[in-house]
């Protein structure tokens, strides 16, 4: 092995090559659910929840945007009355929760969007509203669409899609007969 001793007049040059890793762009699909609970016309509670997007919902989103599938033009909000933890594997035909049909509206309330702006779309101009016809405990909600009966309370056979499910972080909400639950659902796409 040959050793070299450097003197004071020797110059050492070295190059260091650094490979810069490019940032990987990721997108996040999420939603915010803003709830209002009214009793005898008075606002008695207000809270905000988040969601889990189902695989079924995300697949539909990709299929419509990138694979020329038919768009779902009508979306509906449903509420459920079982203590069920949402999972990405939930589907319209197998939601894993039991939908509450104990409200006076004839159908599931329609989610009517106000148009997309700043990577967001919501129904704040026309909140989904449930006038409860009996006292019960509600655990969460879901946004569903498509199929032949997506507006029908309790339907799981209509071939629809669950886009996302929002479980109440406090566990549940007890409602009385004639209470009104209103919800604004904001769908968001963000870069992370």
N, C-alpha and C. Protein backbone atom coordinates (compact mmCIF):
# COMPACT_ATOMS: atom_id res chain seq x y z
N UNK A 1 0.85 -1.15 0.00
CA UNK A 1 0.00 0.00 0.00
C UNK A 1 0.91 1.22 0.00
N UNK A 2 0.63 2.12 -0.92
CA UNK A 2 1.43 3.31 -1.09
C UNK A 2 0.79 4.47 -0.35
N UNK A 3 1.57 5.12 0.47
CA UNK A 3 1.07 6.27 1.22
C UNK A 3 1.67 7.53 0.65
N UNK A 4 0.89 8.57 0.63
CA UNK A 4 1.39 9.84 0.15
C UNK A 4 1.23 10.86 1.25
N UNK A 5 2.23 11.57 1.50
CA UNK A 5 2.21 12.62 2.51
C UNK A 5 2.09 13.94 1.78
N UNK A 6 1.10 14.72 2.20
CA UNK A 6 0.88 16.01 1.57
C UNK A 6 1.65 17.07 2.32
N UNK A 7 2.29 17.92 1.54
CA UNK A 7 3.03 19.03 2.12
C UNK A 7 2.18 20.28 2.16
N UNK A 8 2.77 21.34 2.70
CA UNK A 8 2.04 22.60 2.81
C UNK A 8 1.74 23.23 1.47
N UNK A 9 2.47 22.96 0.48
CA UNK A 9 2.25 23.56 -0.83
C UNK A 9 1.38 22.71 -1.75
N UNK A 10 1.01 21.54 -1.32
CA UNK A 10 0.15 20.68 -2.14
C UNK A 10 -1.30 21.18 -2.08
N UNK A 11 -1.99 21.05 -3.17
CA UNK A 11 -3.41 21.45 -3.25
C UNK A 11 -4.22 20.18 -3.46
N UNK A 12 -5.24 20.06 -2.67
CA UNK A 12 -6.13 18.92 -2.80
C UNK A 12 -7.45 19.42 -3.36
N UNK A 13 -7.92 18.78 -4.42
CA UNK A 13 -9.22 19.11 -5.00
C UNK A 13 -10.13 17.90 -4.88
N UNK A 14 -11.36 18.17 -4.56
CA UNK A 14 -12.33 17.08 -4.48
C UNK A 14 -13.67 17.61 -4.96
N UNK A 15 -14.42 16.75 -5.55
CA UNK A 15 -15.77 17.10 -5.97
C UNK A 15 -16.74 16.19 -5.24
N UNK A 16 -17.77 16.79 -4.75
CA UNK A 16 -18.80 16.03 -4.07
C UNK A 16 -20.06 16.13 -4.91
N UNK A 17 -20.56 14.99 -5.30
CA UNK A 17 -21.77 14.97 -6.12
C UNK A 17 -22.94 14.61 -5.22
N UNK A 18 -23.91 15.52 -5.20
CA UNK A 18 -25.11 15.29 -4.41
C UNK A 18 -26.28 15.16 -5.36
N UNK A 19 -26.96 14.05 -5.24
CA UNK A 19 -28.15 13.86 -6.06
C UNK A 19 -29.34 14.44 -5.32
N UNK A 20 -29.94 15.44 -5.92
CA UNK A 20 -31.08 16.10 -5.30
C UNK A 20 -32.33 15.26 -5.56
N UNK A 21 -32.98 14.89 -4.49
CA UNK A 21 -34.22 14.13 -4.63
C UNK A 21 -35.35 15.10 -4.93
N UNK A 22 -36.06 14.83 -5.97
CA UNK A 22 -37.20 15.69 -6.27
C UNK A 22 -38.33 15.35 -5.31
N UNK A 23 -39.09 16.37 -4.99
CA UNK A 23 -40.22 16.15 -4.10
C UNK A 23 -41.29 15.38 -4.83
N UNK A 24 -41.87 14.47 -4.13
CA UNK A 24 -42.96 13.69 -4.69
C UNK A 24 -44.26 14.41 -4.32
N UNK A 25 -45.03 14.76 -5.33
CA UNK A 25 -46.28 15.45 -5.09
C UNK A 25 -47.34 14.44 -4.70
N UNK A 26 -48.07 14.71 -3.64
CA UNK A 26 -49.15 13.86 -3.19
C UNK A 26 -50.41 14.69 -3.10
N UNK A 27 -51.51 14.07 -3.30
CA UNK A 27 -52.79 14.75 -3.17
C UNK A 27 -53.58 14.10 -2.05
N UNK A 28 -54.33 14.89 -1.34
CA UNK A 28 -55.14 14.40 -0.24
C UNK A 28 -56.59 14.80 -0.51
N UNK A 29 -57.47 13.83 -0.44
CA UNK A 29 -58.90 14.08 -0.56
C UNK A 29 -59.50 13.97 0.84
N UNK A 30 -60.20 14.98 1.24
CA UNK A 30 -60.78 14.98 2.58
C UNK A 30 -62.08 15.76 2.57
N UNK A 31 -62.74 15.76 3.69
CA UNK A 31 -63.93 16.59 3.81
C UNK A 31 -64.09 17.07 5.24
N UNK A 32 -64.83 18.13 5.36
CA UNK A 32 -65.16 18.71 6.67
C UNK A 32 -66.69 18.70 6.77
N UNK A 33 -67.19 18.20 7.87
CA UNK A 33 -68.62 18.11 8.13
C UNK A 33 -68.95 19.06 9.27
N UNK A 34 -69.69 20.13 8.99
CA UNK A 34 -70.06 21.12 10.01
C UNK A 34 -71.52 20.91 10.39
N UNK A 35 -71.73 20.46 11.63
CA UNK A 35 -73.06 20.09 12.11
C UNK A 35 -73.67 21.19 12.97
N UNK A 36 -75.01 21.31 12.88
CA UNK A 36 -75.79 22.18 13.73
C UNK A 36 -76.96 21.35 14.28
N UNK A 37 -77.21 21.47 15.58
CA UNK A 37 -78.29 20.72 16.22
C UNK A 37 -79.29 21.74 16.79
N UNK A 38 -80.52 21.69 16.29
CA UNK A 38 -81.57 22.62 16.71
C UNK A 38 -82.65 21.89 17.50
N UNK A 39 -83.15 22.54 18.55
CA UNK A 39 -84.30 22.03 19.30
C UNK A 39 -85.25 23.20 19.51
N UNK A 40 -86.51 23.02 19.11
CA UNK A 40 -87.54 24.07 19.21
C UNK A 40 -87.05 25.37 18.55
N UNK A 41 -86.35 25.23 17.42
CA UNK A 41 -85.88 26.38 16.66
C UNK A 41 -84.63 27.04 17.20
N UNK A 42 -84.09 26.57 18.34
CA UNK A 42 -82.89 27.15 18.95
C UNK A 42 -81.67 26.27 18.65
N UNK A 43 -80.58 26.88 18.28
CA UNK A 43 -79.33 26.16 18.07
C UNK A 43 -78.80 25.74 19.43
N UNK A 44 -78.69 24.43 19.68
CA UNK A 44 -78.22 23.96 20.98
C UNK A 44 -76.81 23.37 20.93
N UNK A 45 -76.32 23.08 19.73
CA UNK A 45 -74.96 22.55 19.63
C UNK A 45 -74.46 22.74 18.20
N UNK A 46 -73.15 22.83 18.11
CA UNK A 46 -72.49 23.01 16.81
C UNK A 46 -71.12 22.34 16.92
N UNK A 47 -70.76 21.54 15.93
CA UNK A 47 -69.47 20.87 15.97
C UNK A 47 -69.00 20.52 14.56
N UNK A 48 -67.72 20.18 14.45
CA UNK A 48 -67.12 19.85 13.15
C UNK A 48 -66.47 18.48 13.21
N UNK A 49 -66.65 17.72 12.15
CA UNK A 49 -66.08 16.37 12.05
C UNK A 49 -65.26 16.24 10.77
N UNK A 50 -64.46 15.19 10.70
CA UNK A 50 -63.73 14.85 9.48
C UNK A 50 -64.27 13.52 8.96
N UNK A 51 -63.57 12.88 8.06
CA UNK A 51 -64.10 11.69 7.42
C UNK A 51 -63.02 10.70 7.03
N UNK A 52 -63.50 9.58 6.54
CA UNK A 52 -62.65 8.63 5.83
C UNK A 52 -63.27 8.44 4.45
N UNK A 53 -62.46 8.59 3.41
CA UNK A 53 -62.94 8.30 2.06
C UNK A 53 -62.88 6.80 1.85
N UNK A 54 -63.92 6.24 1.30
CA UNK A 54 -63.93 4.80 1.06
C UNK A 54 -63.14 4.47 -0.21
N UNK A 55 -62.68 3.24 -0.30
CA UNK A 55 -62.01 2.78 -1.52
C UNK A 55 -62.98 2.89 -2.70
N UNK A 56 -64.24 2.53 -2.45
CA UNK A 56 -65.28 2.61 -3.48
C UNK A 56 -65.41 4.04 -3.99
N UNK A 57 -65.42 5.01 -3.07
CA UNK A 57 -65.55 6.41 -3.46
C UNK A 57 -64.36 6.93 -4.22
N UNK A 58 -63.16 6.61 -3.75
CA UNK A 58 -61.94 7.06 -4.44
C UNK A 58 -61.79 6.40 -5.81
N UNK A 59 -62.16 5.12 -5.89
CA UNK A 59 -62.12 4.44 -7.19
C UNK A 59 -63.07 5.11 -8.19
N UNK A 60 -64.25 5.50 -7.70
CA UNK A 60 -65.21 6.18 -8.58
C UNK A 60 -64.66 7.53 -9.02
N UNK A 61 -64.05 8.26 -8.11
CA UNK A 61 -63.45 9.55 -8.43
C UNK A 61 -62.40 9.40 -9.54
N UNK A 62 -61.51 8.44 -9.40
CA UNK A 62 -60.47 8.21 -10.41
C UNK A 62 -61.08 7.72 -11.71
N UNK A 63 -62.09 6.85 -11.61
CA UNK A 63 -62.72 6.29 -12.80
C UNK A 63 -63.39 7.39 -13.63
N UNK A 64 -64.07 8.32 -12.97
CA UNK A 64 -64.75 9.42 -13.67
C UNK A 64 -63.73 10.38 -14.27
N UNK A 65 -62.72 10.75 -13.48
CA UNK A 65 -61.76 11.76 -13.93
C UNK A 65 -60.79 11.25 -14.99
N UNK A 66 -60.39 9.97 -14.88
CA UNK A 66 -59.31 9.50 -15.74
C UNK A 66 -59.64 8.31 -16.62
N UNK A 67 -60.82 7.72 -16.46
CA UNK A 67 -61.12 6.53 -17.23
C UNK A 67 -62.49 6.58 -17.90
N UNK A 68 -63.02 7.78 -18.05
CA UNK A 68 -64.25 8.05 -18.81
C UNK A 68 -65.49 7.33 -18.28
N UNK A 69 -65.55 7.07 -16.98
CA UNK A 69 -66.76 6.49 -16.39
C UNK A 69 -67.85 7.55 -16.31
N UNK A 70 -69.07 7.10 -16.15
CA UNK A 70 -70.21 8.01 -16.06
C UNK A 70 -70.19 8.75 -14.72
N UNK A 71 -70.35 10.05 -14.78
CA UNK A 71 -70.36 10.89 -13.58
C UNK A 71 -71.62 10.67 -12.77
N UNK A 72 -71.48 10.72 -11.45
CA UNK A 72 -72.63 10.72 -10.56
C UNK A 72 -73.02 12.18 -10.36
N UNK A 73 -74.23 12.53 -10.73
CA UNK A 73 -74.64 13.94 -10.67
C UNK A 73 -75.46 14.27 -9.44
N UNK A 74 -76.02 13.26 -8.76
CA UNK A 74 -76.84 13.50 -7.58
C UNK A 74 -76.24 12.78 -6.38
N UNK A 75 -75.95 13.54 -5.32
CA UNK A 75 -75.37 13.01 -4.09
C UNK A 75 -76.32 13.29 -2.93
N UNK A 76 -76.31 12.41 -1.93
CA UNK A 76 -77.22 12.50 -0.80
C UNK A 76 -76.47 12.25 0.51
N UNK A 77 -76.98 12.84 1.58
CA UNK A 77 -76.41 12.65 2.90
C UNK A 77 -77.32 11.69 3.66
N UNK A 78 -76.72 10.72 4.33
CA UNK A 78 -77.48 9.84 5.21
C UNK A 78 -76.87 9.89 6.60
N UNK A 79 -77.66 9.53 7.61
CA UNK A 79 -77.17 9.43 8.98
C UNK A 79 -77.33 7.98 9.43
N UNK A 80 -76.51 7.55 10.37
CA UNK A 80 -76.65 6.18 10.86
C UNK A 80 -76.71 6.12 12.38
N UNK A 81 -77.38 5.05 12.87
CA UNK A 81 -77.66 4.94 14.30
C UNK A 81 -77.03 3.72 14.96
N UNK A 82 -75.93 3.23 14.41
CA UNK A 82 -75.18 2.15 15.04
C UNK A 82 -73.76 2.62 15.31
N UNK A 83 -73.18 2.11 16.38
CA UNK A 83 -71.83 2.48 16.77
C UNK A 83 -70.85 1.69 15.90
N UNK A 84 -70.58 2.23 14.72
CA UNK A 84 -69.78 1.55 13.71
C UNK A 84 -68.56 2.38 13.37
N UNK A 85 -67.38 1.79 13.44
CA UNK A 85 -66.16 2.50 13.07
C UNK A 85 -66.02 2.48 11.55
N UNK A 86 -65.95 3.63 10.90
CA UNK A 86 -65.82 3.66 9.44
C UNK A 86 -64.51 3.02 8.98
N UNK A 87 -64.58 2.33 7.85
CA UNK A 87 -63.39 1.75 7.24
C UNK A 87 -63.40 2.06 5.75
N UNK A 88 -62.23 2.02 5.14
CA UNK A 88 -62.12 2.27 3.70
C UNK A 88 -62.83 1.19 2.90
N UNK A 89 -63.04 0.02 3.49
CA UNK A 89 -63.65 -1.10 2.77
C UNK A 89 -65.18 -1.02 2.70
N UNK A 90 -65.80 -0.06 3.36
CA UNK A 90 -67.26 0.08 3.31
C UNK A 90 -67.71 0.30 1.87
N UNK A 91 -68.85 -0.27 1.53
CA UNK A 91 -69.43 -0.05 0.21
C UNK A 91 -70.90 0.29 0.37
N UNK A 92 -71.48 0.77 -0.70
CA UNK A 92 -72.91 1.11 -0.68
C UNK A 92 -73.74 -0.13 -0.35
N UNK A 93 -73.40 -1.26 -0.94
CA UNK A 93 -74.19 -2.47 -0.70
C UNK A 93 -73.88 -3.13 0.64
N UNK A 94 -72.70 -2.84 1.21
CA UNK A 94 -72.32 -3.37 2.52
C UNK A 94 -71.74 -2.23 3.35
N UNK A 95 -72.60 -1.36 3.89
CA UNK A 95 -72.10 -0.17 4.59
C UNK A 95 -71.55 -0.46 6.00
N UNK A 96 -71.88 -1.59 6.58
CA UNK A 96 -71.47 -1.99 7.93
C UNK A 96 -72.21 -1.24 9.03
N UNK A 97 -72.91 -0.16 8.73
CA UNK A 97 -73.72 0.55 9.72
C UNK A 97 -75.19 0.38 9.35
N UNK A 98 -76.07 0.76 10.28
CA UNK A 98 -77.50 0.76 10.01
C UNK A 98 -77.94 2.22 9.84
N UNK A 99 -78.48 2.51 8.69
CA UNK A 99 -78.91 3.87 8.40
C UNK A 99 -80.16 4.22 9.20
N UNK A 100 -80.19 5.42 9.75
CA UNK A 100 -81.40 5.91 10.40
C UNK A 100 -82.37 6.41 9.34
N UNK A 101 -83.60 5.99 9.46
CA UNK A 101 -84.67 6.49 8.57
C UNK A 101 -85.71 7.25 9.39
N UNK A 102 -85.37 7.57 10.63
CA UNK A 102 -86.31 8.19 11.56
C UNK A 102 -86.28 9.71 11.48
N UNK A 103 -86.54 10.21 10.28
CA UNK A 103 -86.68 11.66 10.09
C UNK A 103 -87.81 11.89 9.12
N UNK A 104 -88.43 13.07 9.21
CA UNK A 104 -89.68 13.30 8.50
C UNK A 104 -89.52 13.58 7.01
N UNK A 105 -88.33 13.94 6.54
CA UNK A 105 -88.13 14.15 5.10
C UNK A 105 -88.38 12.83 4.37
N UNK A 106 -89.03 12.91 3.22
CA UNK A 106 -89.41 11.70 2.48
C UNK A 106 -88.21 10.92 1.96
N UNK A 107 -87.13 11.63 1.65
CA UNK A 107 -85.93 11.01 1.09
C UNK A 107 -84.69 11.47 1.83
N UNK A 108 -83.56 10.84 1.53
CA UNK A 108 -82.29 11.34 2.02
C UNK A 108 -82.12 12.77 1.51
N UNK A 109 -81.62 13.69 2.34
CA UNK A 109 -81.43 15.06 1.85
C UNK A 109 -80.36 15.10 0.76
N UNK A 110 -80.64 15.85 -0.28
CA UNK A 110 -79.69 15.98 -1.39
C UNK A 110 -78.55 16.91 -1.00
N UNK A 111 -77.34 16.53 -1.37
CA UNK A 111 -76.17 17.39 -1.20
C UNK A 111 -76.07 18.22 -2.47
N UNK A 112 -76.38 19.51 -2.36
CA UNK A 112 -76.41 20.40 -3.52
C UNK A 112 -75.20 21.32 -3.47
N UNK A 113 -74.25 21.07 -4.35
CA UNK A 113 -73.01 21.85 -4.31
C UNK A 113 -73.19 23.24 -4.87
N UNK A 114 -72.31 24.13 -4.44
CA UNK A 114 -72.34 25.51 -4.91
C UNK A 114 -71.23 25.83 -5.90
N UNK A 115 -70.60 24.80 -6.46
CA UNK A 115 -69.53 25.00 -7.43
C UNK A 115 -68.15 24.90 -6.79
N UNK A 116 -67.17 24.54 -7.59
CA UNK A 116 -65.81 24.34 -7.12
C UNK A 116 -65.03 25.65 -7.16
N UNK A 117 -64.30 25.94 -6.08
CA UNK A 117 -63.41 27.09 -6.01
C UNK A 117 -62.29 26.78 -5.03
N UNK A 118 -61.08 27.13 -5.39
CA UNK A 118 -59.92 26.94 -4.50
C UNK A 118 -59.80 25.51 -3.99
N UNK A 119 -59.97 24.54 -4.87
CA UNK A 119 -59.84 23.10 -4.56
C UNK A 119 -60.84 22.65 -3.50
N UNK A 120 -62.03 23.24 -3.51
CA UNK A 120 -63.04 22.94 -2.51
C UNK A 120 -64.43 23.09 -3.11
N UNK A 121 -65.37 22.30 -2.61
CA UNK A 121 -66.77 22.42 -3.02
C UNK A 121 -67.64 22.05 -1.82
N UNK A 122 -68.75 22.79 -1.60
CA UNK A 122 -69.59 22.52 -0.43
C UNK A 122 -71.06 22.78 -0.74
N UNK A 123 -71.89 22.47 0.24
CA UNK A 123 -73.33 22.69 0.14
C UNK A 123 -73.81 23.74 1.14
N UNK A 124 -72.95 24.72 1.45
CA UNK A 124 -73.29 25.72 2.47
C UNK A 124 -74.52 26.56 2.13
N UNK A 125 -74.81 26.72 0.86
CA UNK A 125 -75.99 27.50 0.47
C UNK A 125 -77.29 26.72 0.67
N UNK A 126 -77.18 25.40 0.79
CA UNK A 126 -78.36 24.55 0.96
C UNK A 126 -77.97 23.34 1.82
N UNK A 127 -77.89 23.56 3.13
CA UNK A 127 -77.45 22.51 4.05
C UNK A 127 -78.39 21.31 4.03
N UNK A 128 -77.82 20.11 4.15
CA UNK A 128 -78.65 18.91 4.28
C UNK A 128 -79.32 18.96 5.66
N UNK A 129 -80.61 18.67 5.69
CA UNK A 129 -81.37 18.85 6.93
C UNK A 129 -82.18 17.59 7.25
N UNK A 130 -82.16 17.19 8.54
CA UNK A 130 -82.89 16.03 9.02
C UNK A 130 -83.79 16.48 10.17
N UNK A 131 -85.11 16.36 10.02
CA UNK A 131 -86.05 16.67 11.09
C UNK A 131 -86.43 15.34 11.73
N UNK A 132 -85.94 15.09 12.91
CA UNK A 132 -86.08 13.78 13.53
C UNK A 132 -87.54 13.49 13.90
N UNK A 133 -87.98 12.27 13.59
CA UNK A 133 -89.36 11.88 13.88
C UNK A 133 -89.46 11.05 15.16
N UNK A 134 -88.32 10.70 15.73
CA UNK A 134 -88.28 9.96 16.99
C UNK A 134 -86.97 10.26 17.70
N UNK A 135 -86.94 10.02 18.98
CA UNK A 135 -85.68 10.17 19.73
C UNK A 135 -84.77 8.99 19.42
N UNK A 136 -83.51 9.25 19.22
CA UNK A 136 -82.55 8.17 19.01
C UNK A 136 -81.14 8.71 19.13
N UNK A 137 -80.17 7.83 19.00
CA UNK A 137 -78.77 8.19 19.07
C UNK A 137 -78.16 8.05 17.68
N UNK A 138 -77.51 9.12 17.21
CA UNK A 138 -76.87 9.13 15.89
C UNK A 138 -75.36 9.07 16.09
N UNK A 139 -74.69 8.25 15.28
CA UNK A 139 -73.25 8.05 15.43
C UNK A 139 -72.43 8.65 14.30
N UNK A 140 -73.06 8.97 13.17
CA UNK A 140 -72.29 9.53 12.06
C UNK A 140 -73.14 9.68 10.82
N UNK A 141 -72.45 9.93 9.71
CA UNK A 141 -73.14 10.21 8.44
C UNK A 141 -72.26 9.78 7.28
N UNK A 142 -72.86 9.73 6.11
CA UNK A 142 -72.12 9.36 4.90
C UNK A 142 -72.68 10.14 3.71
N UNK A 143 -71.84 10.28 2.70
CA UNK A 143 -72.24 10.92 1.44
C UNK A 143 -72.32 9.82 0.39
N UNK A 144 -73.51 9.66 -0.20
CA UNK A 144 -73.75 8.57 -1.16
C UNK A 144 -74.33 9.13 -2.45
N UNK A 145 -74.14 8.40 -3.53
CA UNK A 145 -74.69 8.83 -4.80
C UNK A 145 -74.71 7.69 -5.80
N UNK A 146 -75.32 7.98 -6.95
CA UNK A 146 -75.38 7.00 -8.03
C UNK A 146 -76.42 5.93 -7.76
N UNK A 147 -76.53 5.03 -8.69
CA UNK A 147 -77.48 3.94 -8.53
C UNK A 147 -78.90 4.39 -8.77
N UNK A 148 -79.79 3.43 -8.76
CA UNK A 148 -81.18 3.71 -9.09
C UNK A 148 -81.99 4.27 -7.92
N UNK A 149 -81.48 4.12 -6.69
CA UNK A 149 -82.28 4.52 -5.54
C UNK A 149 -81.46 5.26 -4.49
N UNK A 150 -80.47 6.03 -4.90
CA UNK A 150 -79.58 6.70 -3.94
C UNK A 150 -80.31 7.70 -3.04
N UNK A 151 -81.45 8.20 -3.48
CA UNK A 151 -82.19 9.14 -2.64
C UNK A 151 -83.08 8.43 -1.63
N UNK A 152 -83.25 7.12 -1.76
CA UNK A 152 -84.18 6.35 -0.93
C UNK A 152 -83.58 6.03 0.43
N UNK A 153 -84.29 6.40 1.49
CA UNK A 153 -83.84 6.09 2.86
C UNK A 153 -83.64 4.58 3.00
N UNK A 154 -82.52 4.19 3.58
CA UNK A 154 -82.27 2.78 3.88
C UNK A 154 -81.85 1.92 2.71
N UNK A 155 -81.78 2.46 1.50
CA UNK A 155 -81.42 1.65 0.34
C UNK A 155 -79.96 1.20 0.38
N UNK A 156 -79.73 -0.07 0.11
CA UNK A 156 -78.38 -0.60 -0.09
C UNK A 156 -78.31 -1.44 -1.36
N UNK A 157 -79.42 -1.58 -2.04
CA UNK A 157 -79.47 -2.45 -3.22
C UNK A 157 -79.44 -1.69 -4.53
N UNK A 158 -79.42 -0.36 -4.48
CA UNK A 158 -79.57 0.42 -5.70
C UNK A 158 -78.32 0.60 -6.54
N UNK A 159 -77.22 -0.03 -6.16
CA UNK A 159 -76.00 0.06 -6.97
C UNK A 159 -75.26 1.38 -6.85
N UNK A 160 -75.41 2.07 -5.73
CA UNK A 160 -74.77 3.36 -5.54
C UNK A 160 -73.33 3.26 -5.05
N UNK A 161 -72.81 4.41 -4.59
CA UNK A 161 -71.44 4.53 -4.11
C UNK A 161 -71.44 5.31 -2.80
N UNK A 162 -70.71 4.82 -1.80
CA UNK A 162 -70.42 5.64 -0.62
C UNK A 162 -69.11 6.35 -0.91
N UNK A 163 -69.15 7.68 -0.98
CA UNK A 163 -67.90 8.42 -1.20
C UNK A 163 -67.10 8.51 0.09
N UNK A 164 -67.75 8.96 1.16
CA UNK A 164 -67.03 9.05 2.43
C UNK A 164 -67.98 8.86 3.60
N UNK A 165 -67.39 8.61 4.77
CA UNK A 165 -68.14 8.36 6.00
C UNK A 165 -67.53 9.22 7.10
N UNK A 166 -68.39 9.89 7.87
CA UNK A 166 -67.94 10.74 8.97
C UNK A 166 -68.52 10.24 10.28
N UNK A 167 -67.65 9.72 11.13
CA UNK A 167 -68.03 9.22 12.44
C UNK A 167 -67.95 10.38 13.44
N UNK A 168 -68.89 10.49 14.37
CA UNK A 168 -68.84 11.55 15.36
C UNK A 168 -67.69 11.29 16.33
N UNK A 169 -66.77 12.22 16.44
CA UNK A 169 -65.58 12.04 17.28
C UNK A 169 -65.94 11.94 18.76
N UNK A 170 -67.04 12.53 19.17
CA UNK A 170 -67.48 12.42 20.57
C UNK A 170 -68.19 11.10 20.82
N UNK A 171 -68.35 10.28 19.79
CA UNK A 171 -68.97 8.96 19.92
C UNK A 171 -70.39 8.91 19.42
N UNK A 172 -71.22 9.89 19.81
CA UNK A 172 -72.62 9.87 19.39
C UNK A 172 -73.26 11.21 19.69
N UNK A 173 -74.46 11.37 19.16
CA UNK A 173 -75.27 12.56 19.42
C UNK A 173 -76.70 12.07 19.69
N UNK A 174 -77.24 12.41 20.85
CA UNK A 174 -78.61 12.03 21.19
C UNK A 174 -79.55 13.12 20.70
N UNK A 175 -80.57 12.71 19.95
CA UNK A 175 -81.54 13.66 19.41
C UNK A 175 -82.94 13.30 19.91
N UNK A 176 -83.77 14.31 20.02
CA UNK A 176 -85.17 14.11 20.43
C UNK A 176 -86.07 14.24 19.21
N UNK A 177 -87.28 13.77 19.33
CA UNK A 177 -88.26 13.94 18.27
C UNK A 177 -88.44 15.43 17.99
N UNK A 178 -88.49 15.79 16.74
CA UNK A 178 -88.62 17.17 16.24
C UNK A 178 -87.31 17.96 16.27
N UNK A 179 -86.23 17.39 16.81
CA UNK A 179 -84.92 18.05 16.67
C UNK A 179 -84.55 18.09 15.20
N UNK A 180 -83.74 19.08 14.84
CA UNK A 180 -83.27 19.20 13.46
C UNK A 180 -81.75 19.17 13.46
N UNK A 181 -81.20 18.29 12.64
CA UNK A 181 -79.76 18.26 12.39
C UNK A 181 -79.52 18.83 11.00
N UNK A 182 -78.61 19.81 10.92
CA UNK A 182 -78.23 20.38 9.63
C UNK A 182 -76.74 20.17 9.45
N UNK A 183 -76.33 19.89 8.21
CA UNK A 183 -74.90 19.66 7.98
C UNK A 183 -74.45 20.29 6.67
N UNK A 184 -73.29 20.93 6.76
CA UNK A 184 -72.58 21.43 5.57
C UNK A 184 -71.41 20.49 5.35
N UNK A 185 -71.36 19.89 4.17
CA UNK A 185 -70.27 18.98 3.84
C UNK A 185 -69.38 19.69 2.81
N UNK A 186 -68.12 19.90 3.18
CA UNK A 186 -67.15 20.54 2.30
C UNK A 186 -66.15 19.50 1.84
N UNK A 187 -66.08 19.26 0.54
CA UNK A 187 -65.10 18.33 -0.03
C UNK A 187 -63.88 19.13 -0.44
N UNK A 188 -62.70 18.62 -0.09
CA UNK A 188 -61.47 19.36 -0.33
C UNK A 188 -60.42 18.47 -0.98
N UNK A 189 -59.63 19.07 -1.87
CA UNK A 189 -58.46 18.41 -2.43
C UNK A 189 -57.27 19.30 -2.11
N UNK A 190 -56.24 18.72 -1.50
CA UNK A 190 -55.06 19.50 -1.15
C UNK A 190 -53.80 18.77 -1.53
N UNK A 191 -52.74 19.53 -1.81
CA UNK A 191 -51.43 18.94 -2.01
C UNK A 191 -50.77 18.79 -0.65
N UNK A 192 -50.13 17.67 -0.44
CA UNK A 192 -49.43 17.46 0.83
C UNK A 192 -47.98 17.12 0.58
